[in-house]
Amino acid sequence: MRLPHVSVALLLLAALAGPAGAQSPLDSAVVFRGATVPAGAAIPVTQLAASARNHTARPVIVEGVITRECTEKGCWMQVAPSADANGMRVTFKDYAFFIPQSMVGRRARMTGVTKVTTHSRAAADHLIGEGAPLQRNTDGTATEVQFVASGVELHAR
């Protein structure tokens, strides 16, 4: 019996999806994006944010918990020392990679540099619309300390 192409494709998708309620491979695996994160001690997120201007040239390693993420396509994440703490927004060097969505709660280990940016009113509106927790300046712009990651490891919850 010959099945139409659509039926074969649906059967393959059903087989790959697994049983209802099954975990995705992303639920337990370490997710890697960008460059390899070197071994070594990491700087705490709070310390990095407090001394951001000292870490703009040479890459450092930082770890934290993902507390928010871009709701559009995974082009940034908010990383903090714990799930209920303030942190910093992490973008990805040269927009070269994104993270899978639904990574909130995972531990992130990253390598990269800090950057202090003043966003225009329009850019701040856009980022806030995606869920970024920016604090506006009186003129509607927003100044932000962010981490520009060249590589990330996202470890299971």
Protein backbone atom coordinates (compact mmCIF):
# COMPACT_ATOMS: atom_id res chain seq x y z
CA MET A 1 0.00 0.00 0.00
CA ARG A 2 1.36 3.38 -0.97
CA LEU A 3 0.89 6.28 1.50
CA PRO A 4 0.68 9.86 0.29
CA HIS A 5 3.76 12.00 1.10
CA VAL A 6 1.83 14.02 3.67
CA SER A 7 0.85 10.88 5.61
CA VAL A 8 4.46 9.65 5.67
CA ALA A 9 5.64 13.03 6.94
CA LEU A 10 3.00 13.04 9.69
CA LEU A 11 3.97 9.52 10.75
CA LEU A 12 7.63 10.54 10.95
CA LEU A 13 6.79 13.63 13.02
CA ALA A 14 4.66 11.57 15.40
CA ALA A 15 7.45 9.02 15.85
CA LEU A 16 10.02 11.75 16.55
CA ALA A 17 7.73 13.54 19.00
CA GLY A 18 7.53 10.53 21.29
CA PRO A 19 4.78 9.86 23.81
CA ALA A 20 2.58 12.71 25.02
CA GLY A 21 4.20 14.57 27.90
CA ALA A 22 7.68 13.27 27.04
CA GLN A 23 10.59 15.59 27.76
CA SER A 24 12.36 17.34 24.95
CA PRO A 25 16.10 16.57 24.64
CA LEU A 26 16.63 20.25 25.58
CA ASP A 27 15.07 19.59 29.01
CA SER A 28 18.08 17.64 30.27
CA ALA A 29 20.96 18.17 27.85
CA VAL A 30 23.58 20.89 28.05
CA VAL A 31 22.93 23.32 25.20
CA PHE A 32 26.03 24.88 23.58
CA ARG A 33 25.99 27.99 21.42
CA GLY A 34 28.87 29.98 19.90
CA ALA A 35 32.49 29.57 21.01
CA THR A 36 33.63 27.05 23.59
CA VAL A 37 33.46 28.38 27.14
CA PRO A 38 36.88 27.79 28.74
CA ALA A 39 37.27 25.94 32.01
CA GLY A 40 38.08 28.10 35.01
CA ALA A 41 36.55 30.19 37.73
CA ALA A 42 33.62 32.43 36.84
CA ILE A 43 32.96 35.97 38.02
CA PRO A 44 29.61 36.33 39.83
CA VAL A 45 27.00 38.30 37.83
CA THR A 46 26.64 40.95 40.55
CA GLN A 47 30.40 41.57 40.69
CA LEU A 48 30.61 41.74 36.91
CA ALA A 49 27.76 44.27 36.72
CA ALA A 50 29.34 46.43 39.43
CA SER A 51 32.69 46.54 37.60
CA ALA A 52 31.41 46.40 34.01
CA ARG A 53 33.78 49.06 32.65
CA ASN A 54 36.75 46.89 33.76
CA HIS A 55 35.65 43.97 31.58
CA THR A 56 35.02 45.53 28.17
CA ALA A 57 38.24 44.44 26.43
CA ARG A 58 39.28 41.00 27.67
CA PRO A 59 36.87 38.05 27.77
CA VAL A 60 35.78 36.77 31.17
CA ILE A 61 33.68 33.83 32.31
CA VAL A 62 30.42 34.48 34.15
CA GLU A 63 27.71 32.19 35.48
CA GLY A 64 24.15 32.77 36.55
CA VAL A 65 20.54 31.67 36.27
CA ILE A 66 18.44 32.64 33.28
CA THR A 67 15.52 34.69 34.60
CA ARG A 68 14.11 36.06 31.31
CA GLU A 69 14.64 35.59 27.61
CA CYS A 70 13.71 37.24 24.34
CA THR A 71 10.13 36.31 23.59
CA GLU A 72 10.58 36.76 19.84
CA LYS A 73 13.52 34.55 18.83
CA GLY A 74 15.97 33.95 21.68
CA CYS A 75 18.35 36.80 20.77
CA TRP A 76 19.00 37.75 24.43
CA MET A 77 18.58 36.43 27.96
CA GLN A 78 18.59 37.99 31.43
CA VAL A 79 21.05 36.27 33.79
CA ALA A 80 21.10 36.78 37.56
CA PRO A 81 22.80 35.15 40.57
CA SER A 82 19.50 33.43 41.46
CA ALA A 83 15.98 33.13 40.08
CA ASP A 84 14.65 35.94 42.29
CA ALA A 85 17.55 38.42 41.91
CA ASN A 86 18.34 41.26 39.52
CA GLY A 87 20.89 40.57 36.83
CA MET A 88 22.10 41.73 33.45
CA ARG A 89 20.92 41.21 29.91
CA VAL A 90 23.12 38.98 27.78
CA THR A 91 23.32 39.41 24.01
CA PHE A 92 25.29 37.29 21.58
CA LYS A 93 28.38 38.51 19.76
CA ASP A 94 27.71 39.73 16.22
CA TYR A 95 24.14 38.36 16.48
CA ALA A 96 25.79 35.08 15.42
CA PHE A 97 23.64 32.71 17.48
CA PHE A 98 20.48 32.58 19.56
CA ILE A 99 19.37 30.39 22.44
CA PRO A 100 16.39 28.06 22.26
CA GLN A 101 13.31 29.53 23.88
CA SER A 102 12.11 28.08 27.21
CA MET A 103 15.55 28.24 28.84
CA VAL A 104 14.37 30.26 31.89
CA GLY A 105 15.58 28.54 35.06
CA ARG A 106 18.67 27.01 33.49
CA ARG A 107 22.17 27.83 34.69
CA ALA A 108 24.18 29.70 32.07
CA ARG A 109 27.98 29.66 31.87
CA MET A 110 29.31 32.19 29.36
CA THR A 111 32.43 33.79 28.01
CA GLY A 112 32.49 37.33 26.66
CA VAL A 113 32.85 41.01 27.54
CA THR A 114 30.68 43.69 29.10
CA LYS A 115 29.26 46.66 27.26
CA VAL A 116 27.56 49.81 28.51
CA THR A 117 24.94 51.00 26.02
CA THR A 118 22.49 53.87 25.92
CA HIS A 119 19.47 52.79 23.87
CA SER A 120 17.37 55.31 21.96
CA ARG A 121 13.74 55.69 23.01
CA ALA A 122 12.66 53.51 20.04
CA ALA A 123 15.23 50.80 20.83
CA ALA A 124 14.21 50.84 24.51
CA ASP A 125 10.53 50.52 23.47
CA HIS A 126 11.43 47.51 21.30
CA LEU A 127 13.45 45.77 24.02
CA ILE A 128 10.82 46.40 26.69
CA GLY A 129 8.25 44.99 24.27
CA GLU A 130 10.31 41.77 24.12
CA GLY A 131 10.37 41.57 27.93
CA ALA A 132 13.72 43.22 28.73
CA PRO A 133 13.66 44.84 32.19
CA LEU A 134 15.18 48.20 31.25
CA GLN A 135 15.10 51.30 33.44
CA ARG A 136 14.40 54.41 31.40
CA ASN A 137 16.29 57.69 31.70
CA THR A 138 14.21 60.87 32.03
CA ASP A 139 14.40 61.46 28.26
CA GLY A 140 12.97 58.01 27.42
CA THR A 141 16.31 56.44 26.52
CA ALA A 142 17.71 53.59 28.63
CA THR A 143 21.31 53.04 29.77
CA GLU A 144 22.15 49.39 30.23
CA VAL A 145 25.09 47.28 31.34
CA GLN A 146 25.02 44.12 29.27
CA PHE A 147 27.19 41.09 28.70
CA VAL A 148 28.08 40.25 25.10
CA ALA A 149 28.65 36.49 25.03
CA SER A 150 30.81 34.85 22.40
CA GLY A 151 29.92 31.42 23.76
CA VAL A 152 27.37 29.94 26.17
CA GLU A 153 26.62 26.66 27.90
CA LEU A 154 23.08 26.25 29.21
CA HIS A 155 22.91 23.58 31.91
CA ALA A 156 19.75 21.72 32.95
CA ARG A 157 17.64 23.15 35.73
